[in-house]
Protein backbone atom coordinates (compact mmCIF):
# COMPACT_ATOMS: atom_id res chain seq x y z
CA MET A 1 -0.01 -0.21 -0.36
CA ASP A 2 1.38 3.46 -0.91
CA LEU A 3 1.24 5.24 2.74
CA LYS A 4 1.37 8.41 0.99
CA GLN A 5 -1.78 9.10 -0.97
CA ASP A 6 -3.89 8.11 2.20
CA ASN A 7 -4.72 12.29 3.10
CA ALA A 8 -4.97 10.72 6.65
CA LEU A 9 -1.42 10.97 7.20
CA PRO A 10 1.00 13.10 7.41
CA ASP A 11 4.20 13.75 5.26
CA LEU A 12 6.01 10.86 7.40
CA GLY A 13 9.50 11.00 4.40
CA THR A 14 10.58 9.78 1.38
CA ASP A 15 10.85 6.11 2.08
CA VAL A 16 8.29 4.99 4.88
CA ARG A 17 6.71 1.39 4.06
CA VAL A 18 4.88 -1.89 6.25
CA ASP A 19 6.60 -5.16 4.76
CA LYS A 20 5.50 -8.78 6.12
CA ILE A 21 8.10 -10.61 6.41
CA ASP A 22 9.22 -14.65 6.99
CA PHE A 23 9.50 -14.46 10.93
CA ALA A 24 12.28 -17.43 10.04
CA THR A 25 14.48 -15.13 8.03
CA MET A 26 13.84 -11.45 9.46
CA GLY A 27 11.91 -12.34 12.94
CA GLU A 28 14.94 -10.93 15.43
CA LEU A 29 14.09 -7.80 13.52
CA CYS A 30 10.41 -7.90 15.61
CA LEU A 31 12.19 -8.79 18.51
CA HIS A 32 14.64 -6.61 18.97
CA ILE A 33 11.99 -3.67 19.23
CA ARG A 34 9.38 -5.60 21.00
CA ARG A 35 12.67 -6.09 23.67
CA GLU A 36 12.94 -1.85 23.35
CA VAL A 37 9.61 -0.93 23.49
CA PHE A 38 8.10 -3.73 26.12
CA VAL A 39 11.02 -5.44 27.94
CA GLU A 40 13.20 -2.37 28.29
CA GLU A 41 10.20 0.40 28.05
CA GLN A 42 7.15 -1.21 29.85
CA ASN A 43 9.33 -3.57 32.18
CA VAL A 44 6.73 -6.59 30.64
CA SER A 45 8.70 -9.48 31.84
CA PRO A 46 11.06 -11.31 28.62
CA GLU A 47 9.78 -14.40 29.35
CA GLU A 48 5.98 -12.77 29.06
CA GLU A 49 6.63 -10.85 26.29
CA MET A 50 8.24 -13.95 24.67
CA ASP A 51 5.66 -16.36 23.72
CA ASP A 52 4.88 -19.05 21.96
CA MET A 53 3.15 -17.43 18.89
CA ASP A 54 5.27 -15.90 17.27
CA HIS A 55 5.90 -19.07 14.48
CA ALA A 56 1.81 -19.11 13.76
CA CYS A 57 1.33 -14.90 12.91
CA GLU A 58 2.37 -12.69 10.16
CA HIS A 59 4.37 -10.26 11.16
CA TYR A 60 5.43 -6.59 9.53
CA VAL A 61 7.65 -4.27 10.29
CA LEU A 62 7.07 -0.56 9.52
CA TRP A 63 10.68 1.27 7.61
CA SER A 64 11.65 4.73 7.71
CA ASP A 65 14.51 5.87 5.41
CA GLY A 66 15.61 2.12 6.05
CA HIS A 67 15.26 1.94 9.87
CA ALA A 68 13.09 -0.32 11.17
CA ALA A 69 10.83 1.87 13.35
CA GLY A 70 7.92 -0.42 14.46
CA THR A 71 6.59 -3.64 14.21
CA ALA A 72 3.61 -5.49 15.19
CA ARG A 73 1.81 -9.28 14.34
CA VAL A 74 -1.24 -10.99 13.14
CA TYR A 75 -2.51 -13.93 14.58
CA TYR A 76 -5.77 -15.58 12.60
CA ALA A 77 -8.43 -17.53 14.60
CA LYS A 78 -11.38 -19.08 13.52
CA ASP A 79 -13.33 -15.36 11.73
CA VAL A 80 -11.24 -13.00 14.08
CA ALA A 81 -7.66 -11.44 12.90
CA LYS A 82 -5.62 -10.59 16.50
CA ILE A 83 -3.19 -7.27 16.02
CA GLN A 84 -0.83 -7.96 18.35
CA ARG A 85 2.96 -6.74 19.73
CA VAL A 86 2.45 -3.21 18.51
CA ALA A 87 5.46 -1.75 19.34
CA LEU A 88 6.83 1.57 17.63
CA MET A 89 10.88 2.36 18.61
CA LYS A 90 10.49 5.62 20.73
CA GLU A 91 11.78 8.55 18.06
CA TYR A 92 9.04 7.72 15.89
CA ARG A 93 5.97 8.03 18.08
CA GLY A 94 3.20 11.24 18.32
CA LYS A 95 4.14 11.70 13.94
CA GLY A 96 1.97 9.21 12.79
CA PHE A 97 4.02 6.07 12.32
CA GLY A 98 2.09 4.35 14.13
CA ARG A 99 -0.79 5.24 12.09
CA ALA A 100 0.51 4.39 8.88
CA MET A 101 1.74 1.09 10.12
CA MET A 102 -1.98 0.04 11.36
CA LEU A 103 -3.38 1.57 8.65
CA ASP A 104 -0.95 -0.85 6.19
CA ILE A 105 -1.73 -3.94 8.29
CA ILE A 106 -5.67 -3.39 8.21
CA TYR A 107 -5.61 -3.21 4.68
CA ASP A 108 -3.59 -6.41 3.96
CA ILE A 109 -5.92 -8.07 6.38
CA GLN A 110 -8.82 -6.73 3.82
CA GLN A 111 -6.78 -8.28 0.78
CA MET A 112 -6.35 -11.38 2.80
CA VAL A 113 -10.12 -11.41 2.91
CA ARG A 114 -11.24 -10.17 -0.74
CA ILE A 115 -8.87 -13.40 -2.18
CA GLY A 116 -10.42 -15.75 0.12
CA HIS A 117 -7.20 -16.54 2.07
CA HIS A 118 -8.83 -16.01 5.34
CA ALA A 119 -12.67 -15.62 5.84
CA ILE A 120 -12.82 -13.47 8.60
CA SER A 121 -15.46 -10.75 9.85
CA VAL A 122 -14.05 -9.03 12.33
CA ILE A 123 -10.55 -7.49 13.32
CA GLU A 124 -9.45 -7.74 17.63
CA LEU A 125 -6.51 -6.15 19.68
CA SER A 126 -5.93 -6.07 22.99
CA ALA A 127 -4.93 -2.08 23.35
CA GLN A 128 -3.57 -0.52 26.54
CA VAL A 129 -5.45 1.64 27.64
CA ARG A 130 -3.33 4.87 27.41
CA VAL A 131 -3.83 4.59 24.23
CA LEU A 132 -7.21 4.12 23.66
CA GLU A 133 -7.95 6.83 21.70
CA PHE A 134 -5.35 6.24 19.01
CA TYR A 135 -7.02 3.16 18.37
CA GLU A 136 -10.84 4.72 17.98
CA SER A 137 -9.27 7.55 15.42
CA LEU A 138 -8.50 3.59 13.58
CA GLY A 139 -12.17 2.78 13.98
CA PHE A 140 -11.46 0.41 16.92
CA VAL A 141 -14.79 0.20 19.40
CA ALA A 142 -13.03 -0.94 22.78
CA GLU A 143 -15.66 -3.49 25.18
CA GLY A 144 -15.56 -5.63 28.36
CA ASP A 145 -14.08 -4.27 31.14
CA ILE A 146 -10.38 -3.09 31.62
CA TYR A 147 -7.96 -5.90 32.71
CA ASP A 148 -4.41 -6.33 33.82
CA GLU A 149 -1.73 -7.67 31.18
CA ALA A 150 1.85 -8.20 31.79
CA GLY A 151 1.68 -5.46 34.53
CA ILE A 152 -0.60 -2.84 32.17
CA PRO A 153 -4.24 -2.29 32.07
CA HIS A 154 -5.39 -3.26 28.54
CA ARG A 155 -8.71 -3.07 27.24
CA LYS A 156 -10.09 -5.31 24.20
CA MET A 157 -11.22 -3.45 20.94
CA PHE A 158 -12.91 -4.57 17.71
CA ARG A 159 -14.04 -4.05 14.28
CA GLY A 160 -15.35 -5.06 11.09
CA ILE A 161 -13.29 -5.90 8.14
């Protein structure tokens, strides 16, 4: 997806893209970003952050001028696509990069449904409470009570395809 064509995005630079990557060959890059964001910044234990689900997920990396700026993964379960482990390096936050990455992932999920690769009807994520408004701006709706995940308040959010 050409991110610069989306009018909702600020000018993020000349070389900003989101790639779906092969975790077997590039997974360490995703894990590095997640360690920086979740383990180092947010004090999530490495054991809690590094689970056994990575090989069952599709992984994405946000690039900005050749630098890995963010990552996320998608797990497809029955009729739900679960966006998980959304992490953006500190220097890229608050500038539209997270929005660009999420829009591209949502677009990719929609394309997988259109071509019949996945039969899903909803996208789900477990959002940290402090960023609920960000996800609401992307069409997600919070449901249910706040709960603890890795010592951080979260809330389930959903949006249609």
